[in-house]
PDB file of N, CA and C in Angstrom:
ATOM      1  N   UNK A   1     101.250  31.506  96.035  1.00  0.00           N
ATOM      2  CA  UNK A   1     101.316  30.179  95.772  1.00  0.00           C
ATOM      3  C   UNK A   1     101.742  29.037  95.671  1.00  0.00           C
ATOM      4  N   UNK A   2     101.588  27.926  95.378  1.00  0.00           N
ATOM      5  CA  UNK A   2     102.279  26.773  95.398  1.00  0.00           C
ATOM      6  C   UNK A   2     103.955  26.516  95.461  1.00  0.00           C
ATOM      7  N   UNK A   3     104.416  26.176  96.455  1.00  0.00           N
ATOM      8  CA  UNK A   3     105.792  25.769  97.120  1.00  0.00           C
ATOM      9  C   UNK A   3     106.535  25.964  95.668  1.00  0.00           C
ATOM     10  N   UNK A   4     105.871  24.650  94.993  1.00  0.00           N
ATOM     11  CA  UNK A   4     106.602  24.231  93.947  1.00  0.00           C
ATOM     12  C   UNK A   4     106.529  25.126  92.689  1.00  0.00           C
ATOM     13  N   UNK A   5     105.822  25.830  92.327  1.00  0.00           N
ATOM     14  CA  UNK A   5     105.579  26.980  91.629  1.00  0.00           C
ATOM     15  C   UNK A   5     106.712  27.933  91.717  1.00  0.00           C
ATOM     16  N   UNK A   6     106.651  28.167  93.163  1.00  0.00           N
ATOM     17  CA  UNK A   6     107.644  29.379  93.364  1.00  0.00           C
ATOM     18  C   UNK A   6     109.144  29.087  93.464  1.00  0.00           C
ATOM     19  N   UNK A   7     109.348  27.804  93.641  1.00  0.00           N
ATOM     20  CA  UNK A   7     110.246  27.010  93.400  1.00  0.00           C
ATOM     21  C   UNK A   7     111.290  27.330  91.901  1.00  0.00           C
ATOM     22  N   UNK A   8     110.322  26.449  90.681  1.00  0.00           N
ATOM     23  CA  UNK A   8     110.830  26.986  89.724  1.00  0.00           C
ATOM     24  C   UNK A   8     110.237  28.183  89.237  1.00  0.00           C
ATOM     25  N   UNK A   9     109.543  29.044  89.865  1.00  0.00           N
ATOM     26  CA  UNK A   9     109.684  30.314  89.246  1.00  0.00           C
ATOM     27  C   UNK A   9     111.219  31.212  89.752  1.00  0.00           C
ATOM     28  N   UNK A  10     111.556  30.502  90.787  1.00  0.00           N
ATOM     29  CA  UNK A  10     113.158  31.121  91.212  1.00  0.00           C
ATOM     30  C   UNK A  10     113.884  30.696  90.316  1.00  0.00           C
ATOM     31  N   UNK A  11     113.801  29.240  89.911  1.00  0.00           N
ATOM     32  CA  UNK A  11     114.998  28.769  89.046  1.00  0.00           C
ATOM     33  C   UNK A  11     114.574  29.551  87.472  1.00  0.00           C
ATOM     34  N   UNK A  12     113.250  29.630  87.055  1.00  0.00           N
ATOM     35  CA  UNK A  12     113.597  30.004  85.803  1.00  0.00           C
ATOM     36  C   UNK A  12     114.094  31.549  85.798  1.00  0.00           C
ATOM     37  N   UNK A  13     113.977  32.431  86.807  1.00  0.00           N
ATOM     38  CA  UNK A  13     113.926  33.928  87.663  1.00  0.00           C
ATOM     39  C   UNK A  13     113.172  34.486  87.193  1.00  0.00           C
ATOM     40  N   UNK A  14     111.680  34.416  87.659  1.00  0.00           N
ATOM     41  CA  UNK A  14     110.584  34.822  87.351  1.00  0.00           C
ATOM     42  C   UNK A  14     109.401  35.111  88.630  1.00  0.00           C
ATOM     43  N   UNK A  15     108.703  36.205  88.689  1.00  0.00           N
ATOM     44  CA  UNK A  15     107.527  35.809  89.608  1.00  0.00           C
ATOM     45  C   UNK A  15     106.940  34.596  89.531  1.00  0.00           C
ATOM     46  N   UNK A  16     106.406  33.918  90.616  1.00  0.00           N
ATOM     47  CA  UNK A  16     105.663  32.862  90.656  1.00  0.00           C
ATOM     48  C   UNK A  16     104.069  33.282  90.470  1.00  0.00           C
ATOM     49  N   UNK A  17     103.688  33.322  91.692  1.00  0.00           N
ATOM     50  CA  UNK A  17     102.481  33.549  91.320  1.00  0.00           C
ATOM     51  C   UNK A  17     101.959  35.406  92.573  1.00  0.00           C
ATOM     52  N   UNK A  18     102.942  35.682  92.674  1.00  0.00           N
ATOM     53  CA  UNK A  18     102.834  37.265  93.406  1.00  0.00           C
ATOM     54  C   UNK A  18     103.289  36.584  94.872  1.00  0.00           C
ATOM     55  N   UNK A  19     103.491  35.489  95.385  1.00  0.00           N
ATOM     56  CA  UNK A  19     103.803  35.187  96.625  1.00  0.00           C
ATOM     57  C   UNK A  19     105.014  35.798  96.383  1.00  0.00           C
ATOM     58  N   UNK A  20     105.715  34.803  95.739  1.00  0.00           N
ATOM     59  CA  UNK A  20     107.599  35.480  95.985  1.00  0.00           C
ATOM     60  C   UNK A  20     108.027  36.165  94.684  1.00  0.00           C
ATOM     61  N   UNK A  21     108.155  37.488  94.801  1.00  0.00           N
ATOM     62  CA  UNK A  21     108.258  38.074  93.772  1.00  0.00           C
ATOM     63  C   UNK A  21     110.087  38.377  93.854  1.00  0.00           C
ATOM     64  N   UNK A  22     110.731  38.214  92.842  1.00  0.00           N
ATOM     65  CA  UNK A  22     112.030  38.316  92.889  1.00  0.00           C
ATOM     66  C   UNK A  22     112.506  38.636  91.711  1.00  0.00           C
TER      67      UNK A  22
END
């Protein structure tokens, strides 16, 4: 997904669009 969405996902603590699962 988008880098912005992934960064926000990491901050919130959930998987973004599946690209960066944490």
